[in-house]
Protein backbone atom coordinates (compact mmCIF):
# COMPACT_ATOMS: atom_id res chain seq x y z
CA MET A 1 -15.89 30.42 9.02
CA SER A 2 -14.00 30.66 12.32
CA SER A 3 -17.35 31.69 13.84
CA LEU A 4 -18.60 28.13 13.40
CA ASN A 5 -19.25 26.38 16.66
CA PRO A 6 -17.80 22.86 17.15
CA ILE A 7 -21.10 21.18 16.36
CA GLN A 8 -21.49 22.98 13.02
CA LEU A 9 -17.89 22.21 12.13
CA GLU A 10 -18.30 18.53 13.01
CA VAL A 11 -21.46 18.28 10.89
CA MET A 12 -19.77 19.85 7.86
CA TRP A 13 -16.61 17.78 8.33
CA ASN A 14 -18.58 14.54 8.38
CA ARG A 15 -20.56 15.67 5.38
CA LEU A 16 -17.29 16.21 3.47
CA LEU A 17 -16.18 12.71 4.45
CA SER A 18 -19.44 11.27 3.17
CA VAL A 19 -18.97 13.12 -0.11
CA ALA A 20 -15.47 11.64 -0.52
CA ASN A 21 -16.76 8.18 0.38
CA GLU A 22 -19.56 8.52 -2.16
CA GLN A 23 -16.88 9.38 -4.71
CA GLN A 24 -15.01 6.19 -3.83
CA VAL A 25 -18.09 3.97 -3.94
CA ALA A 26 -18.96 5.29 -7.39
CA LEU A 27 -15.41 4.53 -8.55
CA MET A 28 -15.40 0.96 -7.26
CA ARG A 29 -18.87 0.20 -8.65
CA THR A 30 -18.09 1.48 -12.13
CA ALA A 31 -14.46 0.32 -12.47
CA PHE A 32 -13.64 -2.34 -15.02
CA SER A 33 -10.47 -3.78 -13.47
CA THR A 34 -10.17 -6.05 -10.44
CA ILE A 35 -7.31 -3.86 -9.24
CA VAL A 36 -9.75 -1.05 -8.47
CA ARG A 37 -12.98 -3.00 -7.96
CA GLU A 38 -11.64 -5.81 -5.76
CA SER A 39 -8.20 -4.79 -4.47
CA GLN A 40 -9.07 -1.11 -3.88
CA ASP A 41 -5.69 0.06 -5.17
CA LEU A 42 -6.96 3.62 -5.34
CA ALA A 43 -7.28 6.99 -3.65
CA CYS A 44 -10.07 9.59 -3.69
CA GLY A 45 -10.05 13.08 -2.25
CA VAL A 46 -11.61 16.54 -2.25
CA PHE A 47 -9.49 19.71 -2.60
CA ASP A 48 -10.09 23.43 -2.10
CA THR A 49 -9.44 26.01 -4.82
CA ARG A 50 -5.74 26.22 -3.88
CA GLY A 51 -5.20 22.51 -4.38
CA PHE A 52 -5.05 21.68 -0.64
CA MET A 53 -6.52 18.27 0.14
CA ILE A 54 -9.29 18.63 2.73
CA ALA A 55 -10.52 15.06 3.05
CA GLN A 56 -9.93 11.60 1.62
CA SER A 57 -12.24 8.64 1.24
CA LEU A 58 -12.47 5.74 3.68
CA THR A 59 -9.92 3.50 1.99
CA GLY A 60 -6.95 3.96 -0.27
CA THR A 61 -3.21 3.42 -0.20
CA PRO A 62 -0.73 6.03 1.14
CA GLY A 63 1.22 5.61 -2.09
CA HIS A 64 -1.76 7.01 -3.97
CA ILE A 65 -3.34 9.36 -1.43
CA ASN A 66 -0.31 11.37 -0.38
CA PRO A 67 1.35 11.72 -3.81
CA MET A 68 -2.05 12.68 -5.24
CA ALA A 69 -2.36 15.34 -2.54
CA THR A 70 1.13 16.76 -2.96
CA GLY A 71 0.90 16.39 -6.75
CA ALA A 72 -2.19 18.61 -7.05
CA LYS A 73 0.07 21.65 -7.37
CA HIS A 74 1.41 20.25 -10.64
CA PHE A 75 -2.11 20.15 -12.10
CA LEU A 76 -2.83 23.72 -11.02
CA HIS A 77 0.48 24.90 -12.44
CA ALA A 78 -0.19 23.24 -15.80
CA TYR A 79 -3.82 24.42 -15.91
CA PRO A 80 -4.46 27.54 -13.82
CA PRO A 81 -8.14 28.09 -12.91
CA GLU A 82 -8.66 30.74 -15.57
CA THR A 83 -7.80 28.22 -18.31
CA LEU A 84 -10.45 25.68 -17.27
CA ARG A 85 -14.11 25.45 -18.23
CA PRO A 86 -17.08 23.39 -16.96
CA GLY A 87 -16.74 19.81 -18.18
CA ASP A 88 -12.93 19.85 -18.23
CA VAL A 89 -11.14 16.84 -16.70
CA LEU A 90 -7.37 16.55 -16.32
CA VAL A 91 -5.21 13.42 -16.32
CA THR A 92 -1.61 12.29 -16.01
CA ASN A 93 0.42 9.22 -15.19
CA ASP A 94 3.79 10.99 -15.15
CA PRO A 95 5.68 9.28 -12.29
CA TRP A 96 7.36 12.51 -11.17
CA MET A 97 4.05 14.39 -10.99
CA THR A 98 2.04 12.07 -8.74
CA ALA A 99 2.28 8.41 -7.73
CA GLY A 100 5.66 7.33 -9.02
CA GLN A 101 4.92 4.84 -11.83
CA VAL A 102 3.29 4.99 -15.25
CA ASN A 103 0.67 2.43 -14.24
CA ASP A 104 -0.97 4.97 -11.91
CA PHE A 105 -3.40 7.40 -13.54
CA THR A 106 -4.44 10.47 -11.57
CA VAL A 107 -7.63 12.19 -12.75
CA MET A 108 -8.52 15.67 -11.44
CA THR A 109 -11.78 17.53 -12.04
CA PRO A 110 -12.55 21.18 -11.24
CA VAL A 111 -15.93 21.78 -9.59
CA PHE A 112 -17.77 24.72 -11.11
CA ARG A 113 -20.55 26.67 -9.47
CA GLY A 114 -21.77 28.72 -12.36
CA GLN A 115 -18.55 29.90 -13.98
CA THR A 116 -16.49 29.84 -10.78
CA ILE A 117 -14.28 26.98 -9.57
CA VAL A 118 -15.14 26.18 -5.95
CA GLY A 119 -12.98 23.08 -5.49
CA TYR A 120 -11.51 19.99 -7.11
CA PHE A 121 -11.96 16.25 -6.89
CA ALA A 122 -9.14 13.87 -7.71
CA ASN A 123 -8.50 10.17 -7.68
CA CYS A 124 -5.55 7.93 -8.42
CA CYS A 125 -5.85 4.33 -9.61
CA HIS A 126 -3.51 1.59 -10.74
CA ALA A 127 -4.23 0.80 -14.39
CA PRO A 128 -4.35 -2.91 -15.30
CA ASP A 129 -1.84 -2.27 -18.09
CA ILE A 130 -0.06 0.68 -19.66
CA GLY A 131 1.94 -1.06 -22.38
CA GLY A 132 5.71 -1.31 -22.54
CA ARG A 133 7.15 -4.22 -20.61
CA VAL A 134 4.73 -6.16 -18.46
CA LEU A 135 4.96 -4.54 -15.04
CA SER A 136 8.21 -5.75 -13.49
CA ALA A 137 11.57 -4.39 -12.39
CA GLU A 138 13.49 -5.40 -15.51
CA ALA A 139 13.42 -2.08 -17.37
CA ARG A 140 16.44 0.24 -17.37
CA GLU A 141 14.58 3.44 -18.35
CA VAL A 142 11.08 4.74 -17.76
CA TYR A 143 10.59 4.80 -21.54
CA GLU A 144 10.54 0.99 -21.54
CA GLU A 145 7.82 0.81 -18.92
CA GLY A 146 4.87 1.99 -20.99
CA LEU A 147 2.93 4.97 -22.23
CA ARG A 148 3.66 8.21 -20.33
CA VAL A 149 0.89 10.81 -20.43
CA PRO A 150 1.78 14.39 -19.40
CA ILE A 151 -0.78 16.53 -17.59
CA MET A 152 -3.45 17.14 -20.21
CA LYS A 153 -7.19 17.15 -20.72
CA LEU A 154 -9.01 13.83 -20.62
CA PHE A 155 -12.28 15.69 -21.25
CA ASP A 156 -12.57 19.14 -22.85
CA ARG A 157 -15.84 20.90 -21.92
CA GLY A 158 -17.51 17.52 -21.49
CA GLU A 159 -16.15 15.94 -24.68
CA PRO A 160 -13.77 12.97 -24.32
CA ASN A 161 -10.27 13.46 -25.71
CA HIS A 162 -10.74 10.77 -28.35
CA GLU A 163 -7.23 11.16 -29.75
CA LEU A 164 -5.68 10.47 -26.34
CA LEU A 165 -8.00 7.51 -25.75
CA LYS A 166 -7.11 6.07 -29.15
CA ILE A 167 -3.43 6.30 -28.26
CA VAL A 168 -4.06 4.59 -24.92
CA ARG A 169 -6.09 1.80 -26.50
CA ALA A 170 -3.42 1.20 -29.12
CA ASN A 171 -0.64 0.89 -26.54
CA VAL A 172 -2.07 -1.33 -23.82
CA ARG A 173 -2.83 -5.04 -23.58
CA THR A 174 -6.15 -4.47 -21.78
CA PRO A 175 -7.76 -1.59 -23.71
CA ASP A 176 -11.31 -2.09 -22.43
CA GLU A 177 -10.27 -2.31 -18.79
CA THR A 178 -7.73 0.52 -18.93
CA VAL A 179 -9.96 2.98 -20.78
CA GLY A 180 -13.00 1.80 -18.84
CA ASP A 181 -11.26 2.67 -15.59
CA LEU A 182 -10.46 6.16 -16.93
CA TYR A 183 -14.17 6.71 -17.54
CA ALA A 184 -14.92 5.38 -14.05
CA GLN A 185 -12.36 7.78 -12.58
CA THR A 186 -14.03 10.65 -14.42
CA SER A 187 -17.52 9.58 -13.32
CA CYS A 188 -16.65 9.30 -9.65
CA ASN A 189 -15.26 12.84 -9.65
CA ALA A 190 -18.53 14.01 -11.17
CA VAL A 191 -20.45 12.22 -8.42
CA GLY A 192 -18.31 13.94 -5.79
CA ALA A 193 -18.76 17.33 -7.46
CA ARG A 194 -22.54 16.96 -7.52
CA SER A 195 -22.66 16.08 -3.81
CA LEU A 196 -20.32 18.94 -2.90
CA LEU A 197 -22.53 21.46 -4.68
CA GLN A 198 -25.56 20.07 -2.88
CA MET A 199 -23.71 20.46 0.41
CA MET A 200 -22.78 24.06 -0.38
CA ASP A 201 -26.38 24.88 -1.19
CA GLU A 202 -27.64 23.19 1.96
CA PHE A 203 -25.23 25.10 4.23
CA ASN A 204 -25.33 28.36 2.23
CA LEU A 205 -21.60 28.26 1.49
CA GLU A 206 -20.27 30.60 -1.18
CA SER A 207 -16.84 28.97 -0.91
CA ILE A 208 -15.39 25.91 0.81
CA ASP A 209 -12.00 27.58 1.32
CA PRO A 210 -12.84 29.03 4.77
CA LEU A 211 -14.11 25.59 5.86
CA ALA A 212 -10.95 24.04 4.45
CA ASP A 213 -8.81 26.53 6.37
CA GLU A 214 -10.52 25.60 9.63
CA ILE A 215 -10.20 21.84 9.05
CA ILE A 216 -6.60 22.04 7.83
CA SER A 217 -5.44 24.39 10.59
CA ARG A 218 -7.00 22.20 13.28
CA SER A 219 -5.35 19.09 11.78
CA GLU A 220 -1.97 20.85 11.67
CA ARG A 221 -2.36 22.03 15.24
CA ALA A 222 -3.25 18.53 16.46
CA MET A 223 -0.32 17.01 14.57
CA ARG A 224 2.09 19.53 16.07
CA ASP A 225 0.67 18.90 19.55
CA GLY A 226 1.42 15.20 19.06
CA ILE A 227 4.98 15.93 17.93
CA ARG A 228 5.57 18.11 20.99
CA GLN A 229 4.97 15.06 23.18
CA LEU A 230 8.10 13.44 21.75
CA PRO A 231 11.58 14.08 23.11
CA ASN A 232 13.69 16.27 20.84
CA GLY A 233 16.63 14.49 19.26
CA ARG A 234 18.06 12.65 16.26
CA TYR A 235 17.13 9.02 15.72
CA SER A 236 18.56 6.77 13.01
CA HIS A 237 17.84 3.33 11.61
CA GLU A 238 18.35 1.28 8.47
CA VAL A 239 16.60 -1.58 6.70
CA TRP A 240 17.52 -3.64 3.66
CA SER A 241 15.59 -4.68 0.56
CA ASP A 242 16.46 -7.59 -1.72
CA GLY A 243 16.88 -5.08 -4.54
CA PHE A 244 17.30 -6.42 -8.06
CA GLU A 245 20.94 -7.02 -8.94
CA GLU A 246 22.14 -6.20 -5.42
CA PRO A 247 20.60 -5.40 -2.01
CA ILE A 248 19.33 -1.89 -1.37
CA ARG A 249 20.09 0.00 1.84
CA ILE A 250 17.45 2.37 3.21
CA CYS A 251 18.93 4.68 5.81
CA VAL A 252 16.83 7.21 7.70
CA THR A 253 17.51 9.91 10.28
CA VAL A 254 14.50 11.41 12.04
CA THR A 255 15.03 14.72 13.81
CA ILE A 256 12.39 15.88 16.28
CA ALA A 257 12.59 19.63 16.81
CA ASP A 258 9.76 20.90 19.00
CA ALA A 259 6.67 20.90 16.73
CA ASP A 260 8.39 19.82 13.50
CA ILE A 261 9.86 16.56 12.29
CA TYR A 262 12.61 16.28 9.70
CA ILE A 263 13.08 12.97 7.90
CA ASP A 264 16.27 12.58 5.88
CA PHE A 265 17.22 9.53 3.83
CA ALA A 266 20.87 10.47 3.26
CA GLY A 267 23.06 7.37 3.26
CA SER A 268 20.57 5.27 1.30
CA SER A 269 21.72 3.43 -1.81
CA PRO A 270 22.12 5.32 -5.09
CA GLN A 271 19.40 4.94 -7.67
CA SER A 272 19.30 1.56 -9.37
CA SER A 273 19.80 0.69 -13.02
CA ARG A 274 16.53 -1.29 -12.76
CA GLY A 275 12.89 -0.40 -12.17
CA ILE A 276 12.85 -0.21 -8.38
CA ASN A 277 13.59 3.51 -8.08
CA VAL A 278 11.37 5.86 -6.08
CA VAL A 279 10.45 9.44 -6.98
CA MET A 280 10.47 12.07 -4.24
CA ASN A 281 6.69 12.47 -4.33
CA TYR A 282 6.26 8.79 -3.39
CA THR A 283 9.00 8.96 -0.75
CA HIS A 284 7.29 11.95 0.85
CA GLY A 285 3.96 10.10 0.71
CA TYR A 286 5.04 7.07 2.72
CA ALA A 287 7.31 9.03 5.06
CA SER A 288 4.57 11.51 6.00
CA PHE A 289 2.06 8.66 6.38
CA ALA A 290 4.42 6.86 8.75
CA MET A 291 4.76 9.93 10.94
CA LYS A 292 1.02 10.48 11.17
CA ALA A 293 0.48 6.80 11.99
CA ALA A 294 3.14 6.93 14.70
CA VAL A 295 2.39 10.31 16.26
CA SER A 296 -1.30 11.12 15.75
CA PRO A 297 -3.21 8.42 13.86
CA GLU A 298 -6.54 10.04 14.78
CA VAL A 299 -5.70 13.31 13.01
CA PRO A 300 -7.62 13.72 9.73
CA HIS A 301 -5.46 12.99 6.71
CA ASN A 302 -5.22 16.28 4.85
CA GLU A 303 -2.91 19.18 4.01
CA GLY A 304 -2.58 20.09 7.68
CA ALA A 305 -1.19 16.67 8.63
CA PHE A 306 1.62 17.06 6.07
CA ARG A 307 2.86 20.52 7.04
CA PRO A 308 4.88 19.63 10.17
CA VAL A 309 6.68 16.78 8.37
CA HIS A 310 9.66 17.69 6.20
CA VAL A 311 11.15 14.96 3.99
CA THR A 312 14.46 15.03 2.11
CA ALA A 313 16.52 12.52 0.14
CA PRO A 314 19.66 13.11 -1.94
CA ALA A 315 18.97 13.66 -5.64
CA GLY A 316 20.02 10.59 -7.57
CA SER A 317 19.47 8.26 -4.63
CA ILE A 318 17.12 5.27 -4.62
CA LEU A 319 14.48 7.44 -2.86
CA ASN A 320 14.82 10.55 -5.06
CA CYS A 321 15.65 9.23 -8.50
CA LYS A 322 16.34 11.37 -11.52
CA GLU A 323 14.72 11.00 -14.90
CA PRO A 324 14.70 8.81 -16.91
CA ALA A 325 15.13 6.20 -14.18
CA ALA A 326 12.96 3.09 -14.36
CA VAL A 327 10.34 3.19 -11.59
CA ALA A 328 7.68 0.55 -12.31
CA SER A 329 8.28 -1.45 -9.11
CA ARG A 330 8.91 1.54 -6.86
CA HIS A 331 6.60 0.13 -4.19
CA LEU A 332 9.10 -2.64 -3.47
CA ILE A 333 11.37 0.02 -1.97
CA GLY A 334 8.85 2.67 -0.90
CA HIS A 335 6.86 0.28 1.28
CA PHE A 336 9.90 -0.19 3.53
CA LEU A 337 9.85 3.44 4.66
CA PRO A 338 7.36 3.16 7.55
CA SER A 339 9.29 0.23 9.06
CA ALA A 340 12.53 2.17 8.72
CA ILE A 341 11.00 5.23 10.38
CA PHE A 342 9.35 3.16 13.14
CA GLY A 343 12.72 1.53 13.83
CA ALA A 344 14.28 4.97 14.22
CA LEU A 345 11.49 6.27 16.46
CA ALA A 346 11.31 3.21 18.73
CA PRO A 347 13.45 4.84 21.47
CA ALA A 348 11.29 7.97 21.37
CA LEU A 349 7.99 6.07 21.44
CA PRO A 350 8.52 3.05 23.71
CA GLY A 351 5.59 0.67 23.69
CA LYS A 352 3.80 2.57 20.92
CA LEU A 353 5.19 1.10 17.67
CA MET A 354 4.97 -2.33 16.11
CA ALA A 355 7.77 -4.64 15.06
CA GLY A 356 8.85 -4.95 11.44
CA SER A 357 6.19 -6.08 8.96
CA ALA A 358 6.29 -7.90 5.63
CA ASP A 359 6.23 -4.38 4.15
CA PRO A 360 6.02 -4.48 0.32
CA ILE A 361 2.81 -5.92 -1.07
CA TRP A 362 3.39 -8.75 -3.53
CA LEU A 363 1.98 -7.68 -6.88
CA ASN A 364 1.89 -10.49 -9.43
CA ILE A 365 0.71 -10.44 -13.02
CA TYR A 366 -0.34 -13.63 -14.80
CA ARG A 367 -0.71 -13.84 -18.57
CA GLY A 368 -1.91 -16.68 -20.77
CA THR A 369 -4.54 -17.64 -23.31
CA TRP A 370 -8.05 -18.98 -22.83
CA PRO A 371 -8.15 -22.64 -23.93
CA GLN A 372 -11.64 -22.32 -25.44
CA THR A 373 -11.07 -19.22 -27.57
CA GLY A 374 -7.32 -18.67 -27.74
CA LYS A 375 -7.81 -15.06 -26.65
CA PRO A 376 -5.11 -13.49 -24.48
CA SER A 377 -5.69 -13.05 -20.77
CA GLN A 378 -4.03 -10.93 -18.08
CA VAL A 379 -4.87 -10.61 -14.39
CA THR A 380 -3.15 -8.82 -11.50
CA VAL A 381 -3.16 -10.51 -8.10
CA PHE A 382 -2.12 -8.88 -4.82
CA LEU A 383 -0.76 -10.93 -1.93
CA VAL A 384 0.30 -9.62 1.47
CA GLY A 385 2.31 -10.96 4.37
CA GLY A 386 1.94 -10.42 8.10
CA THR A 387 2.28 -7.24 10.13
CA GLY A 388 4.59 -6.92 13.11
CA GLY A 389 3.60 -7.73 16.66
CA ARG A 390 2.53 -4.83 18.89
CA ALA A 391 3.12 -3.95 22.52
CA VAL A 392 -0.28 -5.34 23.55
CA LYS A 393 -1.47 -7.42 20.57
CA ASP A 394 -0.28 -9.95 18.04
CA GLY A 395 0.43 -8.86 14.49
CA LEU A 396 -2.26 -9.27 11.86
CA ASN A 397 -2.17 -12.24 9.50
CA THR A 398 -2.01 -11.60 5.75
CA THR A 399 -2.78 -7.91 6.17
CA GLY A 400 -1.26 -5.20 4.04
CA PHE A 401 0.82 -2.55 5.81
CA PRO A 402 1.72 0.13 4.93
CA SER A 403 -0.35 -0.36 1.76
CA GLY A 404 -3.89 -1.42 2.59
CA VAL A 405 -4.79 -3.19 -0.65
CA ALA A 406 -7.15 -6.14 -0.48
CA GLY A 407 -6.57 -9.60 -1.88
CA VAL A 408 -8.51 -10.88 -4.86
CA PRO A 409 -10.80 -13.86 -4.11
CA ALA A 410 -9.84 -17.11 -5.81
CA GLU A 411 -13.23 -17.26 -7.52
CA VAL A 412 -12.60 -13.87 -9.16
CA ILE A 413 -9.08 -14.80 -10.25
CA GLU A 414 -10.24 -18.05 -11.84
CA THR A 415 -13.17 -16.33 -13.56
CA LEU A 416 -11.00 -13.64 -15.15
CA ALA A 417 -7.97 -15.74 -16.12
CA PRO A 418 -7.26 -19.34 -17.19
CA VAL A 419 -5.46 -20.14 -13.93
CA VAL A 420 -6.27 -22.17 -10.85
CA GLN A 421 -5.29 -21.22 -7.33
CA MET A 422 -4.30 -24.61 -5.98
CA GLN A 423 -3.50 -23.44 -2.46
CA ARG A 424 -4.08 -20.39 -0.27
CA THR A 425 -3.35 -21.09 3.37
CA LEU A 426 -1.62 -19.49 6.33
CA ARG A 427 2.08 -20.34 6.62
CA THR A 428 2.53 -22.12 9.93
CA ASP A 429 5.47 -20.70 11.98
CA SER A 430 5.96 -17.74 9.61
CA GLY A 431 5.06 -15.13 12.24
CA GLY A 432 8.03 -14.01 14.33
CA ALA A 433 8.03 -15.40 17.87
CA GLY A 434 7.49 -12.93 20.68
CA GLN A 435 5.42 -12.11 23.73
CA PHE A 436 3.11 -10.88 20.98
CA ARG A 437 3.52 -12.93 17.83
CA GLY A 438 4.10 -11.46 14.39
CA GLY A 439 1.36 -11.90 11.79
CA LEU A 440 1.54 -14.86 9.43
CA GLY A 441 2.20 -14.85 5.72
CA GLN A 442 0.33 -17.18 3.41
CA ALA A 443 1.23 -20.06 1.15
CA THR A 444 -0.21 -19.78 -2.37
CA GLN A 445 0.19 -21.92 -5.45
CA MET A 446 -1.00 -21.23 -9.00
CA ARG A 447 -1.31 -23.40 -12.12
CA SER A 448 -2.53 -22.77 -15.64
CA ARG A 449 -5.72 -24.17 -17.14
CA GLY A 450 -4.55 -23.55 -20.69
CA ALA A 451 -2.54 -25.65 -23.12
CA ASP A 452 -0.16 -22.87 -24.10
CA GLN A 453 2.69 -21.12 -22.36
CA TRP A 454 1.79 -18.70 -19.60
CA SER A 455 3.79 -16.13 -17.64
CA VAL A 456 4.16 -14.64 -14.20
CA SER A 457 5.71 -11.31 -13.22
CA PRO A 458 6.42 -11.58 -9.48
CA MET A 459 7.08 -8.18 -7.89
CA VAL A 460 8.04 -9.43 -4.46
CA ASP A 461 10.61 -8.71 -1.74
CA ARG A 462 11.82 -9.93 1.65
CA THR A 463 13.08 -13.21 0.22
CA GLN A 464 16.55 -12.36 1.59
CA PHE A 465 15.98 -9.92 4.49
CA VAL A 466 13.55 -10.77 7.29
CA ALA A 467 11.14 -8.46 9.10
CA GLN A 468 12.89 -7.64 12.36
CA GLY A 469 11.39 -8.16 15.80
CA LEU A 470 11.22 -5.47 18.47
CA GLU A 471 12.04 -5.48 22.20
CA GLY A 472 13.44 -9.01 22.05
CA GLY A 473 10.98 -10.37 19.50
CA GLN A 474 12.20 -12.73 16.80
CA PRO A 475 12.15 -12.01 13.05
CA GLY A 476 9.41 -13.24 10.75
CA ALA A 477 9.97 -15.91 8.12
CA LEU A 478 11.40 -15.01 4.72
CA GLY A 479 9.14 -14.92 1.70
CA GLU A 480 9.46 -17.52 -1.04
CA PHE A 481 9.08 -17.44 -4.83
CA LYS A 482 9.37 -20.81 -6.53
CA ILE A 483 8.72 -22.29 -9.94
CA ASN A 484 8.18 -26.05 -9.84
CA GLY A 485 9.53 -26.04 -6.32
CA GLU A 486 12.79 -24.27 -7.22
CA SER A 487 13.58 -20.82 -5.82
CA ARG A 488 14.00 -18.20 -8.54
CA GLN A 489 14.97 -14.54 -8.69
CA PRO A 490 11.85 -12.37 -8.40
CA LYS A 491 11.00 -9.08 -10.16
CA MET A 492 11.46 -10.66 -13.62
CA VAL A 493 8.95 -12.03 -16.15
CA TYR A 494 8.97 -15.83 -16.49
CA TRP A 495 7.37 -17.74 -19.37
CA MET A 496 6.43 -21.29 -18.39
CA GLU A 497 5.01 -24.52 -19.78
CA PRO A 498 1.33 -25.27 -19.08
CA ASP A 499 1.97 -27.83 -16.32
CA THR A 500 4.23 -25.50 -14.31
CA THR A 501 3.40 -24.63 -10.71
CA VAL A 502 4.15 -21.21 -9.18
CA ASP A 503 4.50 -20.79 -5.42
CA LEU A 504 4.33 -17.28 -3.96
CA ASN A 505 4.60 -17.33 -0.19
CA PRO A 506 4.70 -13.84 1.42
CA PRO A 507 6.77 -13.36 4.61
CA GLY A 508 5.67 -13.04 8.22
CA GLY A 509 5.93 -10.08 10.55
CA GLY A 510 8.40 -9.77 13.40
CA GLY A 511 7.52 -10.57 17.00
CA TYR A 512 7.29 -8.05 19.85
CA GLY A 513 8.83 -8.83 23.23
CA ALA A 514 10.69 -11.91 24.44
CA PRO A 515 9.06 -15.18 23.25
CA GLY A 516 9.57 -16.71 26.72
CA GLN A 517 7.10 -14.14 28.08
CA ARG A 518 4.22 -15.31 25.92
CA ASP A 519 1.33 -16.84 27.83
CA PRO A 520 1.51 -20.64 27.34
CA GLN A 521 -2.26 -20.69 26.78
CA ALA A 522 -1.80 -18.22 23.92
CA VAL A 523 0.81 -20.55 22.44
CA LEU A 524 -1.61 -23.44 22.86
CA ALA A 525 -4.27 -21.46 20.98
CA ASP A 526 -1.74 -20.76 18.21
CA VAL A 527 -1.03 -24.48 17.87
CA VAL A 528 -4.74 -25.34 17.80
CA ASN A 529 -5.33 -22.70 15.11
CA GLY A 530 -2.39 -23.88 13.03
CA TYR A 531 -0.43 -20.65 13.46
CA VAL A 532 2.43 -22.39 15.30
CA SER A 533 3.52 -26.01 15.02
CA ILE A 534 4.01 -28.21 18.09
CA GLU A 535 7.72 -28.23 17.27
CA GLY A 536 7.74 -24.44 16.87
CA ALA A 537 6.00 -24.00 20.21
CA ALA A 538 8.84 -25.80 21.98
CA ARG A 539 11.66 -24.39 19.87
CA ASP A 540 10.60 -20.74 19.77
CA TYR A 541 8.49 -20.29 22.92
CA GLY A 542 9.66 -23.01 25.30
CA VAL A 543 6.10 -24.32 25.55
CA VAL A 544 5.60 -28.07 25.41
CA ILE A 545 2.28 -29.06 23.82
CA ARG A 546 1.02 -32.64 24.05
CA PHE A 547 -1.44 -34.11 21.56
CA THR A 548 -3.74 -36.37 23.57
CA GLY A 549 -5.97 -37.67 20.78
CA GLU A 550 -5.53 -40.62 18.44
CA LEU A 551 -2.50 -40.03 16.22
CA ASP A 552 -4.20 -41.57 13.17
CA SER A 553 -7.46 -39.69 13.68
CA LEU A 554 -8.62 -37.48 10.82
CA VAL A 555 -10.40 -35.21 13.28
CA ARG A 556 -8.25 -33.17 15.68
CA LEU A 557 -10.20 -31.03 18.12
CA PRO A 558 -8.95 -28.28 20.47
CA GLU A 559 -9.48 -30.53 23.46
CA HIS A 560 -6.94 -32.97 21.99
CA TYR A 561 -4.12 -30.52 22.81
CA ALA A 562 -2.78 -29.53 26.22
CA VAL A 563 0.18 -27.65 27.73
CA ASP A 564 2.60 -29.84 29.67
CA ALA A 565 3.19 -27.37 32.52
CA ALA A 566 6.12 -29.18 34.12
CA ALA A 567 7.98 -29.73 30.87
CA THR A 568 7.28 -26.12 29.85
CA GLN A 569 8.69 -24.76 33.09
CA GLU A 570 11.82 -26.84 32.69
CA LEU A 571 12.30 -25.86 29.03
CA ARG A 572 11.67 -22.18 29.66
CA SER A 573 14.32 -22.12 32.35
CA THR A 574 16.83 -22.55 29.51
CA PHE A 575 15.46 -19.44 27.79
CA GLU A 576 16.63 -17.09 30.56
């Protein structure tokens, strides 16, 4: 395969990407749950016969992609190739095998050409429910968090494992959606396998392993070349999470040694008695993702991109928990890792990294009953805050980083559950001030349409610790979780009366650079767009904005606002 010229290799590489994307499209179009169909909380990938990931689909979260990739070895150990037959499909949701929580099912399918395995397809999706406690951080052991399925066959020679599916259906609150997604996960792997076999026939490939070797080795080489551009040394940083009963410290030391990077989380908090613990597979996933994003974002995401990155964390710590630790809300800690690593690498990569972001996605589960039928209802809603400002651009508003899940439209939420989204707007002044402003969070409010009690499980963070600015930028605003206007402790399940209002307001990202260096016209545009208030413009940026229209007018146009240059110059002189 090394005899391939660059054009042939590029054609085959893009064909592999199209196969993985076709796999993803099939998954999203056949999935039952909004989590997969709308929020894209998923990962899809193609693997060679040794379990090395060659390519991933267009979208997906690092918390699914990377643990799925590194977890493939567990599948191959449990079911060596000689034990598998055409039509076999494997499954697990064991947190220590793949994605770190029982709500995530990974499905892996061998691809047979005749009687020979030529590759594998795998995907990982967040199940709408897996029984146990409603997804939260309240549990004290993984056994409380729901049904745990070891690596086993979901299909045996094409026949569904009906006994397993009966157990799943009997243990979850959303049997149709949960089992339906498992069938969708199986179907999308079959779609990928069919397209891969067509590709092999078209290019006369007896095996994809030589092609995989070429792709993986080139990715590894490019990643190492990027690392070599960094100055050798040890760089440390720490960030804090709200935690559950007490704050959690995440401490990281990044060592750059020629073409390798060593990431060590020694000094981080010990594992928690609650469900916010992180398994090593998940820690490795977000740490390796952060390094690729920082060093060589253009390098294909595959086995080769992982090899130069070595991740360690003390056993029994919050980032390498021991069984049977509770892990359901592990993302609330794991999503901090890229910000922690970026903070450490800032001296080594000046002008290349962004300020602190909102980090953990806000995953919220609403339960209630339909007023017309009395049937139970459950829906999962993702919310995201703002990303940090960058050296040349503002942060992104309400955009997930490091997890790229999408929000669920209000129309979908209100169709699938007896709730109403009363408000969903950008939070003015929530983005950290800076030469380049941090991205804004959003203000959201929910109410029930039913006459019975309803509940919310708010898995949220950054209500106590802000996203830090960089190079003189200011921090973003804290997030807020309120019931009837009163702040409450998140990560717990709350049952409420029908007329209760729930406010979930994700935080903003930190600013980049000194706020006094921001172009006054950019501040003016922020005020016009509602990103920054007139008061915030003066307080945080030293820019005086005058409203020249009628104060009682219902219509306020951009031309009704102007920068008072003299007053701005005078005010900014106090910023020096």
